[in-house]
Amino acid sequence: QLHLTTSEKNELARCLQMVQNQLQEKESEIKRKISEYKDRLLQAEKEHQDALTEANRKNEVEIEACHEKISSLEHFISSQKLEIEHLKSNKELLNNSLKEANQSLGELLKTKVR
């Protein structure tokens, strides 16, 4: 009976050792996969951050170009307004000169008719 029990105990110990070995192998495999997934996740996050940084840089360049264009257009509009004011002033001067010339002509014609 003792011999049989010892034999069963040894068999159970051997089975337990096999199961423990299998569990250790599984644990090692799972740890390896977790490490691999973490590495892939870190790489993906880095690529995402790099892409985001590049997109932000491009947007800042584009925004700056737009600001420059707006500034240029504002300057152009301002110069056009000044030109319009100048032309209005010249028109008024020419109209006044034309009125004076027409009055002088009218007076000359009156004088000539007499």
Protein backbone atom coordinates (compact mmCIF):
# COMPACT_ATOMS: atom_id res chain seq x y z
CA GLN A 1 0.00 0.00 0.00
CA LEU A 2 2.84 2.38 0.95
CA HIS A 3 4.63 1.55 -2.27
CA LEU A 4 1.45 2.21 -4.30
CA THR A 5 0.82 5.52 -2.50
CA THR A 6 4.44 6.58 -3.01
CA SER A 7 4.17 5.66 -6.66
CA GLU A 8 0.95 7.69 -7.05
CA LYS A 9 2.57 10.60 -5.20
CA ASN A 10 5.55 10.52 -7.56
CA GLU A 11 3.23 10.36 -10.59
CA LEU A 12 1.21 13.30 -9.26
CA ALA A 13 4.42 15.25 -8.56
CA ARG A 14 5.58 14.53 -12.13
CA CYS A 15 2.20 15.67 -13.53
CA LEU A 16 2.28 18.77 -11.33
CA GLN A 17 5.79 19.60 -12.57
CA MET A 18 4.62 19.17 -16.18
CA VAL A 19 1.64 21.45 -15.60
CA GLN A 20 3.87 24.03 -13.86
CA ASN A 21 6.33 23.88 -16.76
CA GLN A 22 3.50 24.38 -19.25
CA LEU A 23 2.15 27.30 -17.20
CA GLN A 24 5.61 28.89 -17.09
CA GLU A 25 5.93 28.49 -20.86
CA LYS A 26 2.48 30.04 -21.34
CA GLU A 27 3.33 32.88 -18.95
CA SER A 28 6.59 33.54 -20.80
CA GLU A 29 4.74 33.52 -24.14
CA ILE A 30 2.08 35.91 -22.81
CA LYS A 31 4.74 38.25 -21.37
CA ARG A 32 6.59 38.20 -24.70
CA LYS A 33 3.36 39.07 -26.58
CA ILE A 34 2.52 41.85 -24.11
CA SER A 35 6.00 43.29 -24.58
CA GLU A 36 5.64 43.05 -28.36
CA TYR A 37 2.22 44.77 -28.27
CA LYS A 38 3.58 47.52 -26.01
CA ASP A 39 6.45 48.11 -28.44
CA ARG A 40 4.02 48.28 -31.36
CA LEU A 41 1.75 50.63 -29.42
CA LEU A 42 4.67 52.92 -28.57
CA GLN A 43 5.75 52.94 -32.21
CA ALA A 44 2.22 53.74 -33.38
CA GLU A 45 1.94 56.53 -30.80
CA LYS A 46 5.29 57.95 -31.92
CA GLU A 47 4.25 57.86 -35.59
CA HIS A 48 0.92 59.48 -34.69
CA GLN A 49 2.68 62.21 -32.69
CA ASP A 50 5.17 62.81 -35.52
CA ALA A 51 2.32 63.10 -38.03
CA LEU A 52 0.45 65.46 -35.71
CA THR A 53 3.56 67.62 -35.22
CA GLU A 54 4.13 67.79 -38.98
CA ALA A 55 0.48 68.66 -39.63
CA ASN A 56 0.66 71.42 -37.01
CA ARG A 57 3.86 72.77 -38.55
CA LYS A 58 2.27 72.84 -42.02
CA ASN A 59 -0.83 74.53 -40.63
CA GLU A 60 1.27 77.19 -38.90
CA VAL A 61 3.14 77.87 -42.15
CA GLU A 62 -0.16 78.09 -44.04
CA ILE A 63 -1.69 80.37 -41.39
CA GLU A 64 1.37 82.64 -41.56
CA ALA A 65 1.08 82.78 -45.36
CA CYS A 66 -2.61 83.69 -45.01
CA HIS A 67 -1.77 86.44 -42.50
CA GLU A 68 0.79 87.85 -44.91
CA LYS A 69 -1.70 87.75 -47.77
CA ILE A 70 -4.35 89.46 -45.63
CA SER A 71 -1.83 92.13 -44.64
CA SER A 72 -0.86 92.62 -48.27
CA LEU A 73 -4.51 92.90 -49.34
CA GLU A 74 -5.24 95.37 -46.53
CA HIS A 75 -2.31 97.47 -47.70
CA PHE A 76 -3.55 97.28 -51.30
CA ILE A 77 -7.09 98.28 -50.23
CA SER A 78 -5.69 101.17 -48.22
CA SER A 79 -3.65 102.42 -51.19
CA GLN A 80 -6.70 102.04 -53.47
CA LYS A 81 -8.80 104.12 -51.05
CA LEU A 82 -6.13 106.82 -51.09
CA GLU A 83 -6.08 106.71 -54.88
CA ILE A 84 -9.89 107.02 -54.98
CA GLU A 85 -9.75 110.04 -52.65
CA HIS A 86 -7.04 111.57 -54.82
CA LEU A 87 -9.11 110.99 -57.97
CA LYS A 88 -12.23 112.48 -56.32
CA SER A 89 -10.23 115.54 -55.33
CA ASN A 90 -8.87 115.89 -58.87
CA LYS A 91 -12.37 115.45 -60.31
CA GLU A 92 -13.66 118.22 -58.05
CA LEU A 93 -10.81 120.50 -59.09
CA LEU A 94 -11.43 119.74 -62.77
CA ASN A 95 -15.17 120.33 -62.36
CA ASN A 96 -14.48 123.68 -60.71
CA SER A 97 -12.03 124.62 -63.48
CA LEU A 98 -14.60 123.56 -66.08
CA LYS A 99 -17.28 125.71 -64.43
CA GLU A 100 -14.91 128.67 -64.37
CA ALA A 101 -13.96 128.07 -68.01
CA ASN A 102 -17.63 127.82 -69.00
CA GLN A 103 -18.41 131.04 -67.11
CA SER A 104 -15.51 132.80 -68.79
CA LEU A 105 -16.63 131.46 -72.15
CA GLY A 106 -20.16 132.61 -71.47
CA GLU A 107 -18.97 136.08 -70.55
CA LEU A 108 -16.73 136.21 -73.65
CA LEU A 109 -19.65 135.19 -75.85
CA LYS A 110 -21.84 137.84 -74.24
CA THR A 111 -19.12 140.42 -74.78
CA LYS A 112 -18.66 139.33 -78.40
CA VAL A 113 -22.38 139.47 -79.13
CA ARG A 114 -22.58 143.06 -77.88
